[in-house]
PDB file of N, CA and C in Angstrom:
ATOM      1  N   UNK A   1       0.829  -0.940   0.040  1.00  0.00           N
ATOM      2  CA  UNK A   1      -0.355   0.039  -0.228  1.00  0.00           C
ATOM      3  C   UNK A   1       0.628   1.626   0.288  1.00  0.00           C
ATOM      4  N   UNK A   2       2.203   1.784   0.795  1.00  0.00           N
ATOM      5  CA  UNK A   2       3.188   2.352   0.675  1.00  0.00           C
ATOM      6  C   UNK A   2       3.290   2.923  -0.400  1.00  0.00           C
ATOM      7  N   UNK A   3       3.735   1.827  -1.045  1.00  0.00           N
ATOM      8  CA  UNK A   3       3.940   2.086  -3.052  1.00  0.00           C
ATOM      9  C   UNK A   3       3.297   3.010  -3.784  1.00  0.00           C
ATOM     10  N   UNK A   4       1.790   2.624  -3.479  1.00  0.00           N
ATOM     11  CA  UNK A   4       0.703   3.209  -3.624  1.00  0.00           C
ATOM     12  C   UNK A   4       0.734   4.243  -3.724  1.00  0.00           C
ATOM     13  N   UNK A   5       0.755   4.918  -2.223  1.00  0.00           N
ATOM     14  CA  UNK A   5       0.603   6.333  -1.068  1.00  0.00           C
ATOM     15  C   UNK A   5       1.922   6.886  -1.672  1.00  0.00           C
ATOM     16  N   UNK A   6       3.087   6.588  -2.362  1.00  0.00           N
ATOM     17  CA  UNK A   6       3.956   7.339  -2.581  1.00  0.00           C
ATOM     18  C   UNK A   6       3.362   7.811  -4.095  1.00  0.00           C
ATOM     19  N   UNK A   7       3.231   6.651  -5.156  1.00  0.00           N
ATOM     20  CA  UNK A   7       3.285   7.354  -5.985  1.00  0.00           C
ATOM     21  C   UNK A   7       2.126   8.404  -5.795  1.00  0.00           C
ATOM     22  N   UNK A   8       1.093   8.363  -5.482  1.00  0.00           N
ATOM     23  CA  UNK A   8       0.353   9.491  -5.322  1.00  0.00           C
ATOM     24  C   UNK A   8      -0.010  10.660  -4.834  1.00  0.00           C
ATOM     25  N   UNK A   9       1.035  10.740  -3.297  1.00  0.00           N
ATOM     26  CA  UNK A   9       2.019  11.883  -2.833  1.00  0.00           C
ATOM     27  C   UNK A   9       2.607  12.547  -3.983  1.00  0.00           C
ATOM     28  N   UNK A  10       3.687  11.424  -4.650  1.00  0.00           N
ATOM     29  CA  UNK A  10       4.245  12.157  -5.992  1.00  0.00           C
ATOM     30  C   UNK A  10       3.563  12.899  -7.426  1.00  0.00           C
ATOM     31  N   UNK A  11       2.459  12.572  -7.191  1.00  0.00           N
ATOM     32  CA  UNK A  11       1.566  12.710  -8.883  1.00  0.00           C
ATOM     33  C   UNK A  11       0.911  14.374  -8.301  1.00  0.00           C
ATOM     34  N   UNK A  12       0.170  14.130  -6.895  1.00  0.00           N
ATOM     35  CA  UNK A  12      -0.551  14.770  -6.477  1.00  0.00           C
ATOM     36  C   UNK A  12      -0.210  15.483  -4.934  1.00  0.00           C
ATOM     37  N   UNK A  13       0.428  15.508  -4.392  1.00  0.00           N
ATOM     38  CA  UNK A  13       1.461  16.215  -3.547  1.00  0.00           C
ATOM     39  C   UNK A  13       2.200  17.840  -3.952  1.00  0.00           C
ATOM     40  N   UNK A  14       3.117  17.407  -5.179  1.00  0.00           N
ATOM     41  CA  UNK A  14       3.358  18.473  -5.290  1.00  0.00           C
ATOM     42  C   UNK A  14       4.834  19.180  -4.893  1.00  0.00           C
ATOM     43  N   UNK A  15       5.659  18.169  -3.688  1.00  0.00           N
ATOM     44  CA  UNK A  15       6.566  18.391  -3.594  1.00  0.00           C
ATOM     45  C   UNK A  15       7.215  18.768  -4.017  1.00  0.00           C
ATOM     46  N   UNK A  16       8.790  19.991  -3.607  1.00  0.00           N
ATOM     47  CA  UNK A  16       9.446  20.382  -4.451  1.00  0.00           C
ATOM     48  C   UNK A  16      10.901  19.355  -4.549  1.00  0.00           C
ATOM     49  N   UNK A  17      10.889  17.954  -3.714  1.00  0.00           N
ATOM     50  CA  UNK A  17      11.584  17.090  -3.385  1.00  0.00           C
ATOM     51  C   UNK A  17      11.026  16.019  -4.069  1.00  0.00           C
ATOM     52  N   UNK A  18      11.985  15.038  -4.120  1.00  0.00           N
ATOM     53  CA  UNK A  18      11.460  13.739  -4.713  1.00  0.00           C
ATOM     54  C   UNK A  18      10.923  12.927  -3.310  1.00  0.00           C
ATOM     55  N   UNK A  19       9.855  12.463  -3.669  1.00  0.00           N
ATOM     56  CA  UNK A  19       9.045  11.262  -2.896  1.00  0.00           C
ATOM     57  C   UNK A  19      10.278  10.277  -2.203  1.00  0.00           C
ATOM     58  N   UNK A  20      11.061   9.930  -3.078  1.00  0.00           N
ATOM     59  CA  UNK A  20      11.732   9.125  -2.544  1.00  0.00           C
ATOM     60  C   UNK A  20      12.766   8.987  -1.459  1.00  0.00           C
ATOM     61  N   UNK A  21      12.955  10.361  -1.348  1.00  0.00           N
ATOM     62  CA  UNK A  21      13.828  10.968  -0.357  1.00  0.00           C
ATOM     63  C   UNK A  21      12.707  11.250   0.968  1.00  0.00           C
ATOM     64  N   UNK A  22      11.846  10.465   0.932  1.00  0.00           N
ATOM     65  CA  UNK A  22      10.788  11.410   2.294  1.00  0.00           C
ATOM     66  C   UNK A  22      10.738  10.178   3.091  1.00  0.00           C
ATOM     67  N   UNK A  23      11.260   9.799   3.695  1.00  0.00           N
ATOM     68  CA  UNK A  23      10.396   8.714   5.187  1.00  0.00           C
ATOM     69  C   UNK A  23       8.767   8.522   5.218  1.00  0.00           C
ATOM     70  N   UNK A  24       8.830   6.849   5.284  1.00  0.00           N
ATOM     71  CA  UNK A  24       7.381   7.050   5.642  1.00  0.00           C
ATOM     72  C   UNK A  24       6.711   7.822   7.108  1.00  0.00           C
ATOM     73  N   UNK A  25       7.275   7.786   8.017  1.00  0.00           N
ATOM     74  CA  UNK A  25       7.067   8.694   8.738  1.00  0.00           C
ATOM     75  C   UNK A  25       6.890  10.186   8.657  1.00  0.00           C
ATOM     76  N   UNK A  26       7.646  10.698   8.017  1.00  0.00           N
ATOM     77  CA  UNK A  26       8.487  12.360   8.192  1.00  0.00           C
ATOM     78  C   UNK A  26       7.126  13.138   7.544  1.00  0.00           C
ATOM     79  N   UNK A  27       7.215  14.217   8.240  1.00  0.00           N
ATOM     80  CA  UNK A  27       5.984  15.193   8.040  1.00  0.00           C
ATOM     81  C   UNK A  27       6.167  15.813   6.322  1.00  0.00           C
ATOM     82  N   UNK A  28       4.876  15.498   6.135  1.00  0.00           N
ATOM     83  CA  UNK A  28       4.681  16.238   4.543  1.00  0.00           C
ATOM     84  C   UNK A  28       4.796  17.313   4.816  1.00  0.00           C
ATOM     85  N   UNK A  29       3.901  18.090   5.556  1.00  0.00           N
ATOM     86  CA  UNK A  29       3.383  19.409   5.476  1.00  0.00           C
ATOM     87  C   UNK A  29       5.155  19.866   5.464  1.00  0.00           C
ATOM     88  N   UNK A  30       5.655  19.541   6.328  1.00  0.00           N
ATOM     89  CA  UNK A  30       7.165  19.878   5.966  1.00  0.00           C
ATOM     90  C   UNK A  30       8.034  20.404   4.815  1.00  0.00           C
ATOM     91  N   UNK A  31       7.588  18.583   4.273  1.00  0.00           N
ATOM     92  CA  UNK A  31       8.040  18.602   3.042  1.00  0.00           C
ATOM     93  C   UNK A  31       7.361  19.459   1.820  1.00  0.00           C
ATOM     94  N   UNK A  32       6.524  20.256   2.588  1.00  0.00           N
ATOM     95  CA  UNK A  32       6.295  21.391   1.352  1.00  0.00           C
ATOM     96  C   UNK A  32       4.444  20.626   0.714  1.00  0.00           C
ATOM     97  N   UNK A  33       3.798  19.773   1.546  1.00  0.00           N
ATOM     98  CA  UNK A  33       2.124  19.355   1.614  1.00  0.00           C
ATOM     99  C   UNK A  33       1.432  20.792   1.454  1.00  0.00           C
ATOM    100  N   UNK A  34       0.853  21.021   0.576  1.00  0.00           N
ATOM    101  CA  UNK A  34       0.087  22.230   0.593  1.00  0.00           C
ATOM    102  C   UNK A  34      -1.654  21.695   1.298  1.00  0.00           C
ATOM    103  N   UNK A  35      -2.295  22.757   1.680  1.00  0.00           N
ATOM    104  CA  UNK A  35      -3.793  22.420   1.726  1.00  0.00           C
ATOM    105  C   UNK A  35      -4.290  22.023   0.503  1.00  0.00           C
ATOM    106  N   UNK A  36      -4.159  22.540  -0.970  1.00  0.00           N
ATOM    107  CA  UNK A  36      -5.028  22.639  -2.013  1.00  0.00           C
ATOM    108  C   UNK A  36      -4.046  20.930  -2.876  1.00  0.00           C
ATOM    109  N   UNK A  37      -2.746  20.770  -1.855  1.00  0.00           N
ATOM    110  CA  UNK A  37      -2.000  19.645  -2.695  1.00  0.00           C
ATOM    111  C   UNK A  37      -3.011  18.387  -1.778  1.00  0.00           C
ATOM    112  N   UNK A  38      -3.548  18.354  -0.331  1.00  0.00           N
ATOM    113  CA  UNK A  38      -3.935  17.341   0.425  1.00  0.00           C
ATOM    114  C   UNK A  38      -5.135  17.199  -0.499  1.00  0.00           C
ATOM    115  N   UNK A  39      -6.384  17.938  -0.850  1.00  0.00           N
ATOM    116  CA  UNK A  39      -7.552  18.107  -1.030  1.00  0.00           C
ATOM    117  C   UNK A  39      -7.245  17.311  -2.066  1.00  0.00           C
ATOM    118  N   UNK A  40      -6.259  17.324  -3.295  1.00  0.00           N
ATOM    119  CA  UNK A  40      -5.764  16.540  -4.544  1.00  0.00           C
ATOM    120  C   UNK A  40      -5.395  15.563  -3.973  1.00  0.00           C
ATOM    121  N   UNK A  41      -4.694  15.155  -3.598  1.00  0.00           N
ATOM    122  CA  UNK A  41      -4.659  13.731  -2.552  1.00  0.00           C
ATOM    123  C   UNK A  41      -5.205  13.186  -2.003  1.00  0.00           C
ATOM    124  N   UNK A  42      -6.092  13.381  -1.406  1.00  0.00           N
ATOM    125  CA  UNK A  42      -7.486  13.151  -0.966  1.00  0.00           C
ATOM    126  C   UNK A  42      -8.369  12.488  -2.350  1.00  0.00           C
ATOM    127  N   UNK A  43      -8.950  12.926  -3.033  1.00  0.00           N
ATOM    128  CA  UNK A  43      -9.376  12.620  -4.407  1.00  0.00           C
ATOM    129  C   UNK A  43      -8.287  11.493  -5.147  1.00  0.00           C
ATOM    130  N   UNK A  44      -6.991  11.668  -4.958  1.00  0.00           N
ATOM    131  CA  UNK A  44      -6.458  10.933  -6.062  1.00  0.00           C
ATOM    132  C   UNK A  44      -6.391   9.099  -4.891  1.00  0.00           C
ATOM    133  N   UNK A  45      -6.509   9.029  -3.135  1.00  0.00           N
ATOM    134  CA  UNK A  45      -6.313   8.178  -2.729  1.00  0.00           C
ATOM    135  C   UNK A  45      -8.506   7.658  -2.732  1.00  0.00           C
ATOM    136  N   UNK A  46      -9.061   8.286  -2.782  1.00  0.00           N
ATOM    137  CA  UNK A  46     -10.595   8.277  -3.035  1.00  0.00           C
ATOM    138  C   UNK A  46     -10.852   6.959  -4.100  1.00  0.00           C
ATOM    139  N   UNK A  47     -10.239   7.666  -4.953  1.00  0.00           N
ATOM    140  CA  UNK A  47     -10.506   6.849  -6.280  1.00  0.00           C
ATOM    141  C   UNK A  47      -9.355   5.479  -6.380  1.00  0.00           C
ATOM    142  N   UNK A  48      -8.523   5.260  -5.722  1.00  0.00           N
ATOM    143  CA  UNK A  48      -7.323   4.717  -6.155  1.00  0.00           C
ATOM    144  C   UNK A  48      -7.460   3.413  -4.691  1.00  0.00           C
ATOM    145  N   UNK A  49      -8.368   3.934  -4.086  1.00  0.00           N
ATOM    146  CA  UNK A  49      -8.879   2.927  -2.779  1.00  0.00           C
ATOM    147  C   UNK A  49     -10.275   2.605  -2.856  1.00  0.00           C
ATOM    148  N   UNK A  50     -10.565   2.979  -3.781  1.00  0.00           N
ATOM    149  CA  UNK A  50     -12.295   2.888  -3.777  1.00  0.00           C
ATOM    150  C   UNK A  50     -12.840   3.067  -2.089  1.00  0.00           C
ATOM    151  N   UNK A  51     -12.087   4.265  -2.021  1.00  0.00           N
ATOM    152  CA  UNK A  51     -12.973   4.860  -0.425  1.00  0.00           C
ATOM    153  C   UNK A  51     -13.615   6.174  -0.216  1.00  0.00           C
ATOM    154  N   UNK A  52     -14.138   6.884   0.315  1.00  0.00           N
ATOM    155  CA  UNK A  52     -14.598   8.181   0.851  1.00  0.00           C
ATOM    156  C   UNK A  52     -14.396   8.398   2.383  1.00  0.00           C
ATOM    157  N   UNK A  53     -13.809   9.448   2.183  1.00  0.00           N
ATOM    158  CA  UNK A  53     -13.259  10.277   3.413  1.00  0.00           C
ATOM    159  C   UNK A  53     -14.021  10.333   4.231  1.00  0.00           C
ATOM    160  N   UNK A  54     -14.503  10.510   5.344  1.00  0.00           N
ATOM    161  CA  UNK A  54     -15.187  10.691   6.079  1.00  0.00           C
ATOM    162  C   UNK A  54     -14.949  11.875   6.798  1.00  0.00           C
ATOM    163  N   UNK A  55     -15.883  13.255   6.906  1.00  0.00           N
ATOM    164  CA  UNK A  55     -15.760  14.606   7.732  1.00  0.00           C
ATOM    165  C   UNK A  55     -14.332  14.266   8.855  1.00  0.00           C
ATOM    166  N   UNK A  56     -14.846  13.267  10.120  1.00  0.00           N
ATOM    167  CA  UNK A  56     -14.013  13.381  10.967  1.00  0.00           C
ATOM    168  C   UNK A  56     -12.561  13.056  10.508  1.00  0.00           C
ATOM    169  N   UNK A  57     -12.436  12.319   9.318  1.00  0.00           N
ATOM    170  CA  UNK A  57     -10.598  12.097   9.295  1.00  0.00           C
ATOM    171  C   UNK A  57      -9.647  13.082   7.975  1.00  0.00           C
ATOM    172  N   UNK A  58     -11.146  14.130   7.779  1.00  0.00           N
ATOM    173  CA  UNK A  58     -10.178  15.465   7.042  1.00  0.00           C
ATOM    174  C   UNK A  58      -9.656  16.219   7.439  1.00  0.00           C
ATOM    175  N   UNK A  59      -8.874  15.684   8.005  1.00  0.00           N
ATOM    176  CA  UNK A  59      -7.390  17.005   8.713  1.00  0.00           C
ATOM    177  C   UNK A  59      -6.544  16.614   8.398  1.00  0.00           C
ATOM    178  N   UNK A  60      -5.136  17.644   8.615  1.00  0.00           N
ATOM    179  CA  UNK A  60      -4.297  17.539   8.900  1.00  0.00           C
ATOM    180  C   UNK A  60      -3.470  16.441   9.491  1.00  0.00           C
ATOM    181  N   UNK A  61      -3.591  15.760  10.116  1.00  0.00           N
ATOM    182  CA  UNK A  61      -3.019  14.503  11.093  1.00  0.00           C
ATOM    183  C   UNK A  61      -3.555  13.512  10.583  1.00  0.00           C
ATOM    184  N   UNK A  62      -4.697  12.967   9.071  1.00  0.00           N
ATOM    185  CA  UNK A  62      -4.525  12.075   8.237  1.00  0.00           C
ATOM    186  C   UNK A  62      -3.528  11.780   7.275  1.00  0.00           C
ATOM    187  N   UNK A  63      -3.496  12.886   6.908  1.00  0.00           N
ATOM    188  CA  UNK A  63      -2.613  13.469   5.802  1.00  0.00           C
ATOM    189  C   UNK A  63      -0.710  14.041   6.109  1.00  0.00           C
ATOM    190  N   UNK A  64      -0.326  13.455   7.383  1.00  0.00           N
ATOM    191  CA  UNK A  64       0.797  13.999   7.760  1.00  0.00           C
ATOM    192  C   UNK A  64       1.874  13.027   7.287  1.00  0.00           C
ATOM    193  N   UNK A  65       2.155  12.132   6.939  1.00  0.00           N
ATOM    194  CA  UNK A  65       2.956  10.969   6.472  1.00  0.00           C
ATOM    195  C   UNK A  65       2.206  10.451   6.026  1.00  0.00           C
ATOM    196  N   UNK A  66       3.607   9.270   5.340  1.00  0.00           N
ATOM    197  CA  UNK A  66       3.024   8.249   4.359  1.00  0.00           C
ATOM    198  C   UNK A  66       2.551   7.361   5.206  1.00  0.00           C
ATOM    199  N   UNK A  67       3.136   6.738   6.453  1.00  0.00           N
ATOM    200  CA  UNK A  67       2.463   5.998   7.253  1.00  0.00           C
ATOM    201  C   UNK A  67       1.246   6.461   7.978  1.00  0.00           C
ATOM    202  N   UNK A  68       0.372   8.022   8.557  1.00  0.00           N
ATOM    203  CA  UNK A  68      -0.476   8.229   8.569  1.00  0.00           C
ATOM    204  C   UNK A  68      -1.574   8.153   7.744  1.00  0.00           C
ATOM    205  N   UNK A  69      -1.713   8.229   6.270  1.00  0.00           N
ATOM    206  CA  UNK A  69      -2.277   8.321   5.531  1.00  0.00           C
ATOM    207  C   UNK A  69      -2.080   6.497   5.462  1.00  0.00           C
ATOM    208  N   UNK A  70      -1.129   5.644   5.505  1.00  0.00           N
ATOM    209  CA  UNK A  70      -1.571   4.266   5.575  1.00  0.00           C
ATOM    210  C   UNK A  70      -2.552   4.067   6.117  1.00  0.00           C
ATOM    211  N   UNK A  71      -2.739   3.991   7.666  1.00  0.00           N
ATOM    212  CA  UNK A  71      -3.249   4.253   8.420  1.00  0.00           C
ATOM    213  C   UNK A  71      -4.929   4.828   8.610  1.00  0.00           C
ATOM    214  N   UNK A  72      -5.000   5.928   7.797  1.00  0.00           N
ATOM    215  CA  UNK A  72      -6.119   6.077   7.783  1.00  0.00           C
ATOM    216  C   UNK A  72      -6.680   5.572   6.392  1.00  0.00           C
ATOM    217  N   UNK A  73      -6.435   4.791   5.772  1.00  0.00           N
ATOM    218  CA  UNK A  73      -6.506   4.365   4.666  1.00  0.00           C
ATOM    219  C   UNK A  73      -7.332   2.709   5.208  1.00  0.00           C
ATOM    220  N   UNK A  74      -6.657   2.734   5.919  1.00  0.00           N
ATOM    221  CA  UNK A  74      -6.607   0.877   6.697  1.00  0.00           C
ATOM    222  C   UNK A  74      -7.977   1.142   7.345  1.00  0.00           C
ATOM    223  N   UNK A  75      -8.381   2.369   8.545  1.00  0.00           N
ATOM    224  CA  UNK A  75      -9.311   2.741   8.572  1.00  0.00           C
ATOM    225  C   UNK A  75     -10.605   3.099   8.034  1.00  0.00           C
ATOM    226  N   UNK A  76     -10.539   3.378   6.847  1.00  0.00           N
ATOM    227  CA  UNK A  76     -11.643   3.667   6.409  1.00  0.00           C
ATOM    228  C   UNK A  76     -12.628   2.110   5.675  1.00  0.00           C
ATOM    229  N   UNK A  77     -11.285   1.817   5.409  1.00  0.00           N
ATOM    230  CA  UNK A  77     -11.641   0.268   4.678  1.00  0.00           C
ATOM    231  C   UNK A  77     -12.027  -0.867   6.136  1.00  0.00           C
ATOM    232  N   UNK A  78     -11.449  -0.797   7.085  1.00  0.00           N
ATOM    233  CA  UNK A  78     -11.499  -1.936   7.825  1.00  0.00           C
ATOM    234  C   UNK A  78     -13.411  -1.154   8.327  1.00  0.00           C
ATOM    235  N   UNK A  79     -13.801  -0.229   8.552  1.00  0.00           N
ATOM    236  CA  UNK A  79     -15.163   0.516   8.783  1.00  0.00           C
ATOM    237  C   UNK A  79     -16.197   0.157   8.079  1.00  0.00           C
ATOM    238  N   UNK A  80     -15.649   0.258   6.358  1.00  0.00           N
ATOM    239  CA  UNK A  80     -16.554  -0.588   5.466  1.00  0.00           C
ATOM    240  C   UNK A  80     -16.491  -2.124   5.511  1.00  0.00           C
ATOM    241  N   UNK A  81     -15.840  -2.943   5.994  1.00  0.00           N
ATOM    242  CA  UNK A  81     -15.954  -4.163   6.515  1.00  0.00           C
ATOM    243  C   UNK A  81     -17.253  -4.084   7.467  1.00  0.00           C
ATOM    244  N   UNK A  82     -17.236  -3.658   8.689  1.00  0.00           N
ATOM    245  CA  UNK A  82     -17.697  -3.921   9.375  1.00  0.00           C
ATOM    246  C   UNK A  82     -19.577  -3.394   9.466  1.00  0.00           C
ATOM    247  N   UNK A  83     -19.450  -2.065   8.343  1.00  0.00           N
ATOM    248  CA  UNK A  83     -20.811  -1.419   8.170  1.00  0.00           C
ATOM    249  C   UNK A  83     -21.910  -2.276   7.046  1.00  0.00           C
TER     250      UNK A  83
END
């Protein structure tokens, strides 16, 4: 999953450097992710993983790092299985 997320961050995140240089737990906002880019990233994640972000997960913490995004996607997928 991290590979797909990295590809999406590279495509939508508009980071000034290479995503390959960003650790999974590194702060994406410190690396240059903007609010606008995070919205674009969210839309890309929704399409790639066939999910929909609920309002309570539309926050900076959900998109803070590759690891945080993976946890958030897992949380949404697990919630969908229960529903």
